[in-house]
Amino acid sequence: MEENGTYRWSAPKPKKQPDLKKIKRTALLTVLFAIVIVFGLTCYYTVDDKQQAVVTTFGKVTDITDAGVHLKLPFGIQQVEKVDVNVYQKITLGYNPVGSGYTVDDRESAMITGDYNIVNVDFFVEYKISDPVQYLYSSNDPENILRNLVQSQVRNVVGSSTVDSVLTDGKENIQMQVRTLVTDILSQYDIGLSLVDVKIQDAEPPTQEVIEAFKNVETAKQQAETVINDAKAYKNAQLPQAQAKADKLIQNAQYLKEKRINEATEQVAMFNAMYQEYALNPQVTKSRMYYEAISQIMPGVKLYINTSSGSDVQMLLPLEDLVSEGGTAK
């Protein structure tokens, strides 16, 4: 509107045309920046020391890498699956850990023994991943396969055992049999898992009365073992003493034997020497032997021997009373 009250029409200003080159350049920079970010985020990956990584190129396994930082083709050309191969994992059968306690699963723990008794057996299974490729691609759920396999073999072994062995002294043998059977079957299935250990956590009868009876049996066995150990200890304490006495008796017998042999040898030598003297002078030797015998028979008696000339009679007279103390005859 002008000052004189008239209106003045003005033509609208033409709109400014957008700069297509600038828009294209901005869009291209944005796309390039996004590509760089995606490339930077997808061209490498990190594997820790407990893992192995399975690398696939267009869905086909092309590499297995260990711990560290590795490069890969970006934009999904290569995919990486990390697997915990250096970690021991566990499966529980018959019970489920809940916090600091556990809940019992009777459907898994109840089993029938070979002598048709029912027992509740809880197992602890430890395993690890041995082949990451087989673990990822050879089966849909390898842990569930292992769980069913262990449970099947546990029932198989317990079903061929007696209730006494399951509840008392046969647990080690059952664990060993289950471990051997599961290991053999896993090598045939080849699901990438290896069994480390199988242990019986608990084994007990289903009723309290039977539990008490088996506890009494176990107590009696322990007492019997205690008595046996005490008897062995007494045996080990007494045996050395008896052996020492026996050795002493043997040594004494050996000494007496040697002594008797030496005495017999000496007597034989004396007899041979006496016989040789007898052969030379029979009468003299006989007289000497006679006098020696008399002296041995009557050692406290003094005898005076008077042999009459021309006579074979010998007079043996106790002449002490006939002789004075000075040596003269009374």
C-alpha atoms as a PDB file:
ATOM      1  CA  MET A   1       0.000   0.000   0.000  1.00  0.00           C
ATOM      2  CA  GLU A   2       1.507   3.303  -1.007  1.00  0.00           C
ATOM      3  CA  GLU A   3       1.414   6.560   0.892  1.00  0.00           C
ATOM      4  CA  ASN A   4      -1.326   7.943  -1.312  1.00  0.00           C
ATOM      5  CA  GLY A   5      -3.543   5.086  -0.414  1.00  0.00           C
ATOM      6  CA  THR A   6      -3.021   3.028  -3.496  1.00  0.00           C
ATOM      7  CA  TYR A   7      -1.921  -0.562  -3.564  1.00  0.00           C
ATOM      8  CA  ARG A   8       1.131  -1.766  -5.398  1.00  0.00           C
ATOM      9  CA  TRP A   9       1.426  -5.342  -6.554  1.00  0.00           C
ATOM     10  CA  SER A  10       4.829  -6.982  -6.575  1.00  0.00           C
ATOM     11  CA  ALA A  11       5.641 -10.249  -8.323  1.00  0.00           C
ATOM     12  CA  PRO A  12       6.663 -13.167  -6.036  1.00  0.00           C
ATOM     13  CA  LYS A  13      10.356 -13.979  -5.835  1.00  0.00           C
ATOM     14  CA  PRO A  14      11.310 -17.151  -7.669  1.00  0.00           C
ATOM     15  CA  LYS A  15      12.215 -20.160  -5.428  1.00  0.00           C
ATOM     16  CA  LYS A  16      15.846 -21.105  -5.194  1.00  0.00           C
ATOM     17  CA  GLN A  17      16.576 -24.412  -6.959  1.00  0.00           C
ATOM     18  CA  PRO A  18      18.282 -27.116  -4.774  1.00  0.00           C
ATOM     19  CA  ASP A  19      21.925 -27.926  -5.489  1.00  0.00           C
ATOM     20  CA  LEU A  20      21.692 -31.478  -6.799  1.00  0.00           C
ATOM     21  CA  LYS A  21      25.437 -31.908  -6.939  1.00  0.00           C
ATOM     22  CA  LYS A  22      25.799 -31.007  -3.292  1.00  0.00           C
ATOM     23  CA  ILE A  23      23.031 -33.408  -2.314  1.00  0.00           C
ATOM     24  CA  LYS A  24      24.589 -36.215  -4.297  1.00  0.00           C
ATOM     25  CA  ARG A  25      27.986 -35.511  -2.784  1.00  0.00           C
ATOM     26  CA  THR A  26      26.536 -35.527   0.777  1.00  0.00           C
ATOM     27  CA  ALA A  27      24.651 -38.754   0.154  1.00  0.00           C
ATOM     28  CA  LEU A  28      27.736 -40.377  -1.307  1.00  0.00           C
ATOM     29  CA  LEU A  29      29.840 -39.323   1.672  1.00  0.00           C
ATOM     30  CA  THR A  30      27.184 -40.680   4.042  1.00  0.00           C
ATOM     31  CA  VAL A  31      27.078 -43.994   2.226  1.00  0.00           C
ATOM     32  CA  LEU A  32      30.856 -44.201   2.170  1.00  0.00           C
ATOM     33  CA  PHE A  33      31.011 -43.389   5.878  1.00  0.00           C
ATOM     34  CA  ALA A  34      28.432 -46.100   6.627  1.00  0.00           C
ATOM     35  CA  ILE A  35      30.386 -48.538   4.494  1.00  0.00           C
ATOM     36  CA  VAL A  36      33.573 -47.701   6.351  1.00  0.00           C
ATOM     37  CA  ILE A  37      31.842 -48.200   9.706  1.00  0.00           C
ATOM     38  CA  VAL A  38      30.322 -51.507   8.640  1.00  0.00           C
ATOM     39  CA  PHE A  39      33.658 -52.620   7.196  1.00  0.00           C
ATOM     40  CA  GLY A  40      35.464 -51.659  10.381  1.00  0.00           C
ATOM     41  CA  LEU A  41      32.978 -53.515  12.544  1.00  0.00           C
ATOM     42  CA  THR A  42      32.781 -56.662  10.421  1.00  0.00           C
ATOM     43  CA  CYS A  43      36.322 -57.191   9.178  1.00  0.00           C
ATOM     44  CA  TYR A  44      37.781 -58.520  12.455  1.00  0.00           C
ATOM     45  CA  TYR A  45      36.802 -60.601  15.462  1.00  0.00           C
ATOM     46  CA  THR A  46      38.304 -61.553  18.831  1.00  0.00           C
ATOM     47  CA  VAL A  47      38.565 -65.041  20.375  1.00  0.00           C
ATOM     48  CA  ASP A  48      39.435 -65.471  24.051  1.00  0.00           C
ATOM     49  CA  ASP A  49      41.671 -68.181  25.501  1.00  0.00           C
ATOM     50  CA  LYS A  50      38.784 -70.535  26.353  1.00  0.00           C
ATOM     51  CA  GLN A  51      37.293 -70.512  22.874  1.00  0.00           C
ATOM     52  CA  GLN A  52      37.788 -71.549  19.310  1.00  0.00           C
ATOM     53  CA  ALA A  53      36.098 -69.842  16.360  1.00  0.00           C
ATOM     54  CA  VAL A  54      34.620 -71.607  13.346  1.00  0.00           C
ATOM     55  CA  VAL A  55      34.803 -69.426  10.231  1.00  0.00           C
ATOM     56  CA  THR A  56      32.343 -70.037   7.360  1.00  0.00           C
ATOM     57  CA  THR A  57      32.547 -68.458   3.912  1.00  0.00           C
ATOM     58  CA  PHE A  58      29.145 -68.324   2.203  1.00  0.00           C
ATOM     59  CA  GLY A  59      27.967 -70.973   4.701  1.00  0.00           C
ATOM     60  CA  LYS A  60      30.870 -73.402   4.195  1.00  0.00           C
ATOM     61  CA  VAL A  61      33.415 -74.048   6.957  1.00  0.00           C
ATOM     62  CA  THR A  62      36.765 -72.691   5.826  1.00  0.00           C
ATOM     63  CA  ASP A  63      38.814 -72.195   8.998  1.00  0.00           C
ATOM     64  CA  ILE A  64      39.089 -72.821  12.748  1.00  0.00           C
ATOM     65  CA  THR A  65      40.953 -70.163  14.714  1.00  0.00           C
ATOM     66  CA  ASP A  66      42.310 -70.050  18.257  1.00  0.00           C
ATOM     67  CA  ALA A  67      42.564 -67.245  20.792  1.00  0.00           C
ATOM     68  CA  GLY A  68      43.494 -63.772  19.529  1.00  0.00           C
ATOM     69  CA  VAL A  69      42.380 -61.069  17.077  1.00  0.00           C
ATOM     70  CA  HIS A  70      41.657 -62.258  13.531  1.00  0.00           C
ATOM     71  CA  LEU A  71      40.538 -60.701  10.241  1.00  0.00           C
ATOM     72  CA  LYS A  72      37.612 -61.851   8.119  1.00  0.00           C
ATOM     73  CA  LEU A  73      35.755 -60.782   5.021  1.00  0.00           C
ATOM     74  CA  PRO A  74      33.117 -58.152   5.872  1.00  0.00           C
ATOM     75  CA  PHE A  75      29.473 -57.657   4.890  1.00  0.00           C
ATOM     76  CA  GLY A  76      28.494 -61.177   5.953  1.00  0.00           C
ATOM     77  CA  ILE A  77      30.706 -62.910   3.410  1.00  0.00           C
ATOM     78  CA  GLN A  78      32.399 -64.720   6.286  1.00  0.00           C
ATOM     79  CA  GLN A  79      30.564 -65.617   9.500  1.00  0.00           C
ATOM     80  CA  VAL A  80      32.168 -66.562  12.831  1.00  0.00           C
ATOM     81  CA  GLU A  81      30.765 -68.920  15.497  1.00  0.00           C
ATOM     82  CA  LYS A  82      32.648 -68.943  18.818  1.00  0.00           C
ATOM     83  CA  VAL A  83      32.630 -72.167  20.841  1.00  0.00           C
ATOM     84  CA  ASP A  84      33.816 -72.715  24.444  1.00  0.00           C
ATOM     85  CA  VAL A  85      36.153 -75.665  23.914  1.00  0.00           C
ATOM     86  CA  ASN A  86      38.387 -75.249  26.995  1.00  0.00           C
ATOM     87  CA  VAL A  87      35.557 -75.167  29.511  1.00  0.00           C
ATOM     88  CA  TYR A  88      34.321 -78.134  31.522  1.00  0.00           C
ATOM     89  CA  GLN A  89      30.539 -78.240  31.447  1.00  0.00           C
ATOM     90  CA  LYS A  90      28.129 -80.341  33.495  1.00  0.00           C
ATOM     91  CA  ILE A  91      24.828 -82.192  33.299  1.00  0.00           C
ATOM     92  CA  THR A  92      22.881 -83.340  36.360  1.00  0.00           C
ATOM     93  CA  LEU A  93      20.606 -86.381  36.334  1.00  0.00           C
ATOM     94  CA  GLY A  94      18.061 -86.924  39.090  1.00  0.00           C
ATOM     95  CA  TYR A  95      18.389 -83.474  40.652  1.00  0.00           C
ATOM     96  CA  ASN A  96      18.459 -79.820  39.591  1.00  0.00           C
ATOM     97  CA  PRO A  97      20.654 -77.273  41.397  1.00  0.00           C
ATOM     98  CA  VAL A  98      18.643 -74.275  42.622  1.00  0.00           C
ATOM     99  CA  GLY A  99      20.707 -71.581  44.292  1.00  0.00           C
ATOM    100  CA  SER A 100      22.525 -73.134  47.228  1.00  0.00           C
ATOM    101  CA  GLY A 101      20.215 -76.182  47.262  1.00  0.00           C
ATOM    102  CA  TYR A 102      18.644 -78.527  44.763  1.00  0.00           C
ATOM    103  CA  THR A 103      15.351 -80.078  43.728  1.00  0.00           C
ATOM    104  CA  VAL A 104      14.862 -83.802  43.171  1.00  0.00           C
ATOM    105  CA  ASP A 105      13.591 -85.165  39.872  1.00  0.00           C
ATOM    106  CA  ASP A 106      12.182 -88.649  40.578  1.00  0.00           C
ATOM    107  CA  ARG A 107      11.497 -89.287  36.912  1.00  0.00           C
ATOM    108  CA  GLU A 108      15.228 -89.330  36.213  1.00  0.00           C
ATOM    109  CA  SER A 109      16.530 -90.774  39.485  1.00  0.00           C
ATOM    110  CA  ALA A 110      14.141 -93.739  39.951  1.00  0.00           C
ATOM    111  CA  MET A 111      15.666 -96.942  38.521  1.00  0.00           C
ATOM    112  CA  ILE A 112      15.161-100.712  38.778  1.00  0.00           C
ATOM    113  CA  THR A 113      18.123-102.895  39.760  1.00  0.00           C
ATOM    114  CA  GLY A 114      18.931-106.344  38.460  1.00  0.00           C
ATOM    115  CA  ASP A 115      17.276-107.991  41.480  1.00  0.00           C
ATOM    116  CA  TYR A 116      14.027-106.030  40.924  1.00  0.00           C
ATOM    117  CA  ASN A 117      14.475-103.354  43.568  1.00  0.00           C
ATOM    118  CA  ILE A 118      13.808 -99.645  43.093  1.00  0.00           C
ATOM    119  CA  VAL A 119      16.552 -97.143  43.940  1.00  0.00           C
ATOM    120  CA  ASN A 120      16.995 -93.416  43.460  1.00  0.00           C
ATOM    121  CA  VAL A 121      20.346 -92.646  41.847  1.00  0.00           C
ATOM    122  CA  ASP A 122      21.603 -89.118  41.168  1.00  0.00           C
ATOM    123  CA  PHE A 123      24.414 -88.616  38.656  1.00  0.00           C
ATOM    124  CA  PHE A 124      26.779 -85.768  37.870  1.00  0.00           C
ATOM    125  CA  VAL A 125      28.182 -85.719  34.304  1.00  0.00           C
ATOM    126  CA  GLU A 126      31.158 -83.602  33.253  1.00  0.00           C
ATOM    127  CA  TYR A 127      31.977 -83.062  29.565  1.00  0.00           C
ATOM    128  CA  LYS A 128      33.693 -80.675  27.162  1.00  0.00           C
ATOM    129  CA  ILE A 129      33.524 -79.770  23.477  1.00  0.00           C
ATOM    130  CA  SER A 130      36.186 -81.710  21.583  1.00  0.00           C
ATOM    131  CA  ASP A 131      35.332 -80.736  17.982  1.00  0.00           C
ATOM    132  CA  PRO A 132      33.688 -77.318  17.410  1.00  0.00           C
ATOM    133  CA  VAL A 133      32.707 -78.060  13.817  1.00  0.00           C
ATOM    134  CA  GLN A 134      30.921 -81.309  14.692  1.00  0.00           C
ATOM    135  CA  TYR A 135      29.384 -79.640  17.739  1.00  0.00           C
ATOM    136  CA  LEU A 136      27.866 -76.837  15.626  1.00  0.00           C
ATOM    137  CA  TYR A 137      26.791 -78.664  12.491  1.00  0.00           C
ATOM    138  CA  SER A 138      26.538 -82.435  12.996  1.00  0.00           C
ATOM    139  CA  SER A 139      23.499 -82.384  15.323  1.00  0.00           C
ATOM    140  CA  ASN A 140      20.735 -80.051  16.374  1.00  0.00           C
ATOM    141  CA  ASP A 141      21.140 -80.342  20.174  1.00  0.00           C
ATOM    142  CA  PRO A 142      24.319 -82.230  21.167  1.00  0.00           C
ATOM    143  CA  GLU A 143      23.863 -81.566  24.922  1.00  0.00           C
ATOM    144  CA  ASN A 144      20.436 -83.164  24.892  1.00  0.00           C
ATOM    145  CA  ILE A 145      21.807 -86.144  22.950  1.00  0.00           C
ATOM    146  CA  LEU A 146      24.537 -86.594  25.559  1.00  0.00           C
ATOM    147  CA  ARG A 147      22.009 -86.291  28.389  1.00  0.00           C
ATOM    148  CA  ASN A 148      19.734 -88.966  26.917  1.00  0.00           C
ATOM    149  CA  LEU A 149      22.712 -91.192  26.142  1.00  0.00           C
ATOM    150  CA  VAL A 150      24.093 -91.017  29.689  1.00  0.00           C
ATOM    151  CA  GLN A 151      20.673 -91.625  31.214  1.00  0.00           C
ATOM    152  CA  SER A 152      20.145 -94.647  28.969  1.00  0.00           C
ATOM    153  CA  GLN A 153      23.491 -96.215  29.855  1.00  0.00           C
ATOM    154  CA  VAL A 154      23.040 -95.471  33.560  1.00  0.00           C
ATOM    155  CA  ARG A 155      19.753 -97.357  33.564  1.00  0.00           C
ATOM    156  CA  ASN A 156      21.379-100.155  31.590  1.00  0.00           C
ATOM    157  CA  VAL A 157      24.242-100.596  34.093  1.00  0.00           C
ATOM    158  CA  VAL A 158      22.064-100.162  37.197  1.00  0.00           C
ATOM    159  CA  GLY A 159      19.572-102.641  35.737  1.00  0.00           C
ATOM    160  CA  SER A 160      22.301-105.289  35.597  1.00  0.00           C
ATOM    161  CA  SER A 161      23.552-104.631  39.149  1.00  0.00           C
ATOM    162  CA  THR A 162      22.243-105.705  42.528  1.00  0.00           C
ATOM    163  CA  VAL A 163      20.711-103.251  44.952  1.00  0.00           C
ATOM    164  CA  ASP A 164      23.522-103.898  47.458  1.00  0.00           C
ATOM    165  CA  SER A 165      26.219-102.943  44.972  1.00  0.00           C
ATOM    166  CA  VAL A 166      24.329 -99.810  43.896  1.00  0.00           C
ATOM    167  CA  LEU A 167      23.869 -98.604  47.466  1.00  0.00           C
ATOM    168  CA  THR A 168      27.181 -99.707  49.009  1.00  0.00           C
ATOM    169  CA  ASP A 169      30.438-100.831  47.448  1.00  0.00           C
ATOM    170  CA  GLY A 170      29.589-101.102  43.735  1.00  0.00           C
ATOM    171  CA  LYS A 171      29.415 -97.409  42.873  1.00  0.00           C
ATOM    172  CA  GLU A 172      32.951 -97.157  41.500  1.00  0.00           C
ATOM    173  CA  ASN A 173      32.354-100.099  39.184  1.00  0.00           C
ATOM    174  CA  ILE A 174      29.038 -98.631  37.957  1.00  0.00           C
ATOM    175  CA  GLN A 175      30.659 -95.266  37.226  1.00  0.00           C
ATOM    176  CA  MET A 176      33.469 -96.934  35.290  1.00  0.00           C
ATOM    177  CA  GLN A 177      31.059 -99.012  33.199  1.00  0.00           C
ATOM    178  CA  VAL A 178      28.866 -96.005  32.364  1.00  0.00           C
ATOM    179  CA  ARG A 179      31.911 -93.922  31.407  1.00  0.00           C
ATOM    180  CA  THR A 180      33.231 -96.652  29.110  1.00  0.00           C
ATOM    181  CA  LEU A 181      29.880 -97.247  27.382  1.00  0.00           C
ATOM    182  CA  VAL A 182      29.134 -93.552  26.828  1.00  0.00           C
ATOM    183  CA  THR A 183      32.636 -92.873  25.503  1.00  0.00           C
ATOM    184  CA  ASP A 184      32.355 -95.699  22.969  1.00  0.00           C
ATOM    185  CA  ILE A 185      28.954 -94.521  21.715  1.00  0.00           C
ATOM    186  CA  LEU A 186      30.067 -90.866  21.513  1.00  0.00           C
ATOM    187  CA  SER A 187      32.934 -91.900  19.238  1.00  0.00           C
ATOM    188  CA  GLN A 188      30.333 -93.439  16.904  1.00  0.00           C
ATOM    189  CA  TYR A 189      27.900 -90.503  17.027  1.00  0.00           C
ATOM    190  CA  ASP A 190      30.664 -87.902  16.512  1.00  0.00           C
ATOM    191  CA  ILE A 191      28.673 -84.959  17.861  1.00  0.00           C
ATOM    192  CA  GLY A 192      31.748 -83.010  18.953  1.00  0.00           C
ATOM    193  CA  LEU A 193      31.469 -83.787  22.672  1.00  0.00           C
ATOM    194  CA  SER A 194      33.796 -85.826  24.872  1.00  0.00           C
ATOM    195  CA  LEU A 195      32.895 -87.279  28.255  1.00  0.00           C
ATOM    196  CA  VAL A 196      35.234 -86.270  31.080  1.00  0.00           C
ATOM    197  CA  ASP A 197      33.706 -87.976  34.117  1.00  0.00           C
ATOM    198  CA  VAL A 198      30.564 -89.599  35.497  1.00  0.00           C
ATOM    199  CA  LYS A 199      29.969 -89.670  39.247  1.00  0.00           C
ATOM    200  CA  ILE A 200      27.169 -90.949  41.469  1.00  0.00           C
ATOM    201  CA  GLN A 201      26.166 -88.068  43.695  1.00  0.00           C
ATOM    202  CA  ASP A 202      23.749 -90.093  45.800  1.00  0.00           C
ATOM    203  CA  ALA A 203      22.058 -93.491  45.805  1.00  0.00           C
ATOM    204  CA  GLU A 204      19.316 -94.425  48.247  1.00  0.00           C
ATOM    205  CA  PRO A 205      16.175 -96.571  48.504  1.00  0.00           C
ATOM    206  CA  PRO A 206      12.809 -94.914  47.909  1.00  0.00           C
ATOM    207  CA  THR A 207      11.464 -95.393  51.496  1.00  0.00           C
ATOM    208  CA  GLN A 208      12.804 -94.303  54.872  1.00  0.00           C
ATOM    209  CA  GLU A 209      12.538 -97.790  56.393  1.00  0.00           C
ATOM    210  CA  VAL A 210      14.748 -99.288  53.734  1.00  0.00           C
ATOM    211  CA  ILE A 211      17.173 -96.387  54.092  1.00  0.00           C
ATOM    212  CA  GLU A 212      17.545 -97.098  57.816  1.00  0.00           C
ATOM    213  CA  ALA A 213      18.057-100.816  57.137  1.00  0.00           C
ATOM    214  CA  PHE A 214      20.850-100.127  54.661  1.00  0.00           C
ATOM    215  CA  LYS A 215      22.423 -97.648  57.057  1.00  0.00           C
ATOM    216  CA  ASN A 216      22.522-100.404  59.695  1.00  0.00           C
ATOM    217  CA  VAL A 217      24.103-102.763  57.194  1.00  0.00           C
ATOM    218  CA  GLU A 218      26.713-100.164  56.295  1.00  0.00           C
ATOM    219  CA  THR A 219      27.428 -99.549  59.994  1.00  0.00           C
ATOM    220  CA  ALA A 220      27.900-103.283  60.566  1.00  0.00           C
ATOM    221  CA  LYS A 221      30.303-103.478  57.632  1.00  0.00           C
ATOM    222  CA  GLN A 222      32.317-100.578  58.999  1.00  0.00           C
ATOM    223  CA  GLN A 223      32.491-102.235  62.421  1.00  0.00           C
ATOM    224  CA  ALA A 224      33.600-105.483  60.801  1.00  0.00           C
ATOM    225  CA  GLU A 225      36.326-103.626  58.938  1.00  0.00           C
ATOM    226  CA  THR A 226      37.409-101.998  62.201  1.00  0.00           C
ATOM    227  CA  VAL A 227      37.682-105.380  63.936  1.00  0.00           C
ATOM    228  CA  ILE A 228      39.610-106.804  60.996  1.00  0.00           C
ATOM    229  CA  ASN A 229      41.996-103.866  61.028  1.00  0.00           C
ATOM    230  CA  ASP A 230      42.521-104.282  64.784  1.00  0.00           C
ATOM    231  CA  ALA A 231      43.245-107.986  64.286  1.00  0.00           C
ATOM    232  CA  LYS A 232      45.724-107.179  61.542  1.00  0.00           C
ATOM    233  CA  ALA A 233      47.403-104.622  63.788  1.00  0.00           C
ATOM    234  CA  TYR A 234      47.692-107.209  66.588  1.00  0.00           C
ATOM    235  CA  LYS A 235      49.039-109.727  64.109  1.00  0.00           C
ATOM    236  CA  ASN A 236      51.631-107.259  62.843  1.00  0.00           C
ATOM    237  CA  ALA A 237      52.648-106.500  66.433  1.00  0.00           C
ATOM    238  CA  GLN A 238      52.927-110.144  67.550  1.00  0.00           C
ATOM    239  CA  LEU A 239      54.420-111.633  64.416  1.00  0.00           C
ATOM    240  CA  PRO A 240      57.884-110.041  64.803  1.00  0.00           C
ATOM    241  CA  GLN A 241      58.106-111.257  68.417  1.00  0.00           C
ATOM    242  CA  ALA A 242      57.105-114.783  67.441  1.00  0.00           C
ATOM    243  CA  GLN A 243      59.556-114.676  64.562  1.00  0.00           C
ATOM    244  CA  ALA A 244      62.324-113.555  66.928  1.00  0.00           C
ATOM    245  CA  LYS A 245      61.537-116.414  69.338  1.00  0.00           C
ATOM    246  CA  ALA A 246      61.489-118.883  66.473  1.00  0.00           C
ATOM    247  CA  ASP A 247      64.844-117.601  65.238  1.00  0.00           C
ATOM    248  CA  LYS A 248      66.269-117.929  68.745  1.00  0.00           C
ATOM    249  CA  LEU A 249      65.008-121.528  69.070  1.00  0.00           C
ATOM    250  CA  ILE A 250      66.418-122.380  65.672  1.00  0.00           C
ATOM    251  CA  GLN A 251      69.774-120.881  66.610  1.00  0.00           C
ATOM    252  CA  ASN A 252      69.843-122.825  69.907  1.00  0.00           C
ATOM    253  CA  ALA A 253      68.918-126.027  68.116  1.00  0.00           C
ATOM    254  CA  GLN A 254      71.642-125.395  65.583  1.00  0.00           C
ATOM    255  CA  TYR A 255      74.124-124.790  68.399  1.00  0.00           C
ATOM    256  CA  LEU A 256      73.102-128.009  70.167  1.00  0.00           C
ATOM    257  CA  LYS A 257      73.321-129.877  66.914  1.00  0.00           C
ATOM    258  CA  GLU A 258      76.863-128.641  66.263  1.00  0.00           C
ATOM    259  CA  LYS A 259      77.802-129.376  69.876  1.00  0.00           C
ATOM    260  CA  ARG A 260      76.485-132.952  69.678  1.00  0.00           C
ATOM    261  CA  ILE A 261      78.258-133.500  66.390  1.00  0.00           C
ATOM    262  CA  ASN A 262      81.549-132.205  67.838  1.00  0.00           C
ATOM    263  CA  GLU A 263      81.177-134.348  70.965  1.00  0.00           C
ATOM    264  CA  ALA A 264      80.401-137.419  68.882  1.00  0.00           C
ATOM    265  CA  THR A 265      83.381-136.696  66.653  1.00  0.00           C
ATOM    266  CA  GLU A 266      85.587-136.303  69.714  1.00  0.00           C
ATOM    267  CA  GLN A 267      84.328-139.573  71.231  1.00  0.00           C
ATOM    268  CA  VAL A 268      84.903-141.398  67.959  1.00  0.00           C
ATOM    269  CA  ALA A 269      88.455-140.056  67.842  1.00  0.00           C
ATOM    270  CA  MET A 270      89.057-141.097  71.460  1.00  0.00           C
ATOM    271  CA  PHE A 271      87.608-144.531  70.800  1.00  0.00           C
ATOM    272  CA  ASN A 272      89.801-144.991  67.737  1.00  0.00           C
ATOM    273  CA  ALA A 273      92.870-143.899  69.665  1.00  0.00           C
ATOM    274  CA  MET A 274      91.967-146.200  72.575  1.00  0.00           C
ATOM    275  CA  TYR A 275      91.381-149.064  70.207  1.00  0.00           C
ATOM    276  CA  GLN A 276      94.780-148.538  68.667  1.00  0.00           C
ATOM    277  CA  GLU A 277      96.372-148.678  72.155  1.00  0.00           C
ATOM    278  CA  TYR A 278      94.275-151.707  73.021  1.00  0.00           C
ATOM    279  CA  ALA A 279      95.464-153.461  69.902  1.00  0.00           C
ATOM    280  CA  LEU A 280      99.053-152.873  70.977  1.00  0.00           C
ATOM    281  CA  ASN A 281      98.646-153.795  74.716  1.00  0.00           C
ATOM    282  CA  PRO A 282      95.246-155.360  75.409  1.00  0.00           C
ATOM    283  CA  GLN A 283      95.881-156.277  79.095  1.00  0.00           C
ATOM    284  CA  VAL A 284      97.334-152.934  80.087  1.00  0.00           C
ATOM    285  CA  THR A 285      94.563-151.070  78.341  1.00  0.00           C
ATOM    286  CA  LYS A 286      91.869-153.176  80.006  1.00  0.00           C
ATOM    287  CA  SER A 287      93.401-152.574  83.460  1.00  0.00           C
ATOM    288  CA  ARG A 288      93.659-148.847  82.858  1.00  0.00           C
ATOM    289  CA  MET A 289      90.037-148.675  81.666  1.00  0.00           C
ATOM    290  CA  TYR A 290      88.955-150.619  84.735  1.00  0.00           C
ATOM    291  CA  TYR A 291      90.750-148.284  87.136  1.00  0.00           C
ATOM    292  CA  GLU A 292      89.329-145.200  85.371  1.00  0.00           C
ATOM    293  CA  ALA A 293      85.823-146.642  85.627  1.00  0.00           C
ATOM    294  CA  ILE A 294      86.273-147.268  89.367  1.00  0.00           C
ATOM    295  CA  SER A 295      87.515-143.704  89.908  1.00  0.00           C
ATOM    296  CA  GLN A 296      84.492-142.308  88.052  1.00  0.00           C
ATOM    297  CA  ILE A 297      82.011-144.498  89.943  1.00  0.00           C
ATOM    298  CA  MET A 298      83.494-143.791  93.392  1.00  0.00           C
ATOM    299  CA  PRO A 299      85.213-140.435  93.067  1.00  0.00           C
ATOM    300  CA  GLY A 300      85.405-139.801  96.860  1.00  0.00           C
ATOM    301  CA  VAL A 301      86.932-143.154  97.835  1.00  0.00           C
ATOM    302  CA  LYS A 302      90.656-143.729  97.978  1.00  0.00           C
ATOM    303  CA  LEU A 303      91.756-147.205  96.988  1.00  0.00           C
ATOM    304  CA  TYR A 304      95.047-148.924  97.409  1.00  0.00           C
ATOM    305  CA  ILE A 305      95.691-151.702  94.951  1.00  0.00           C
ATOM    306  CA  ASN A 306      97.701-154.719  95.986  1.00  0.00           C
ATOM    307  CA  THR A 307      98.464-157.230  93.312  1.00  0.00           C
ATOM    308  CA  SER A 308      99.935-160.493  94.595  1.00  0.00           C
ATOM    309  CA  SER A 309     102.681-161.867  92.529  1.00  0.00           C
ATOM    310  CA  GLY A 310     101.746-165.014  90.713  1.00  0.00           C
ATOM    311  CA  SER A 311      98.047-164.502  91.356  1.00  0.00           C
ATOM    312  CA  ASP A 312      95.272-163.158  89.165  1.00  0.00           C
ATOM    313  CA  VAL A 313      93.302-161.897  92.210  1.00  0.00           C
ATOM    314  CA  GLN A 314      93.470-158.197  92.905  1.00  0.00           C
ATOM    315  CA  MET A 315      92.596-156.931  96.370  1.00  0.00           C
ATOM    316  CA  LEU A 316      91.062-153.527  96.617  1.00  0.00           C
ATOM    317  CA  LEU A 317      91.222-152.436 100.217  1.00  0.00           C
ATOM    318  CA  PRO A 318      90.065-149.177 101.794  1.00  0.00           C
ATOM    319  CA  LEU A 319      93.202-148.684 103.825  1.00  0.00           C
ATOM    320  CA  GLU A 320      92.663-145.078 105.109  1.00  0.00           C
ATOM    321  CA  ASP A 321      91.716-146.324 108.585  1.00  0.00           C
ATOM    322  CA  LEU A 322      94.804-148.607 108.735  1.00  0.00           C
ATOM    323  CA  VAL A 323      97.243-145.785 108.108  1.00  0.00           C
ATOM    324  CA  SER A 324      98.067-143.174 110.741  1.00  0.00           C
ATOM    325  CA  GLU A 325      97.973-139.509 109.994  1.00  0.00           C
ATOM    326  CA  GLY A 326     101.800-139.432 109.877  1.00  0.00           C
ATOM    327  CA  GLY A 327     101.854-142.202 107.330  1.00  0.00           C
ATOM    328  CA  THR A 328     102.744-145.064 109.734  1.00  0.00           C
ATOM    329  CA  ALA A 329     100.669-148.194 110.236  1.00  0.00           C
ATOM    330  CA  LYS A 330      98.598-148.500 113.329  1.00  0.00           C
END
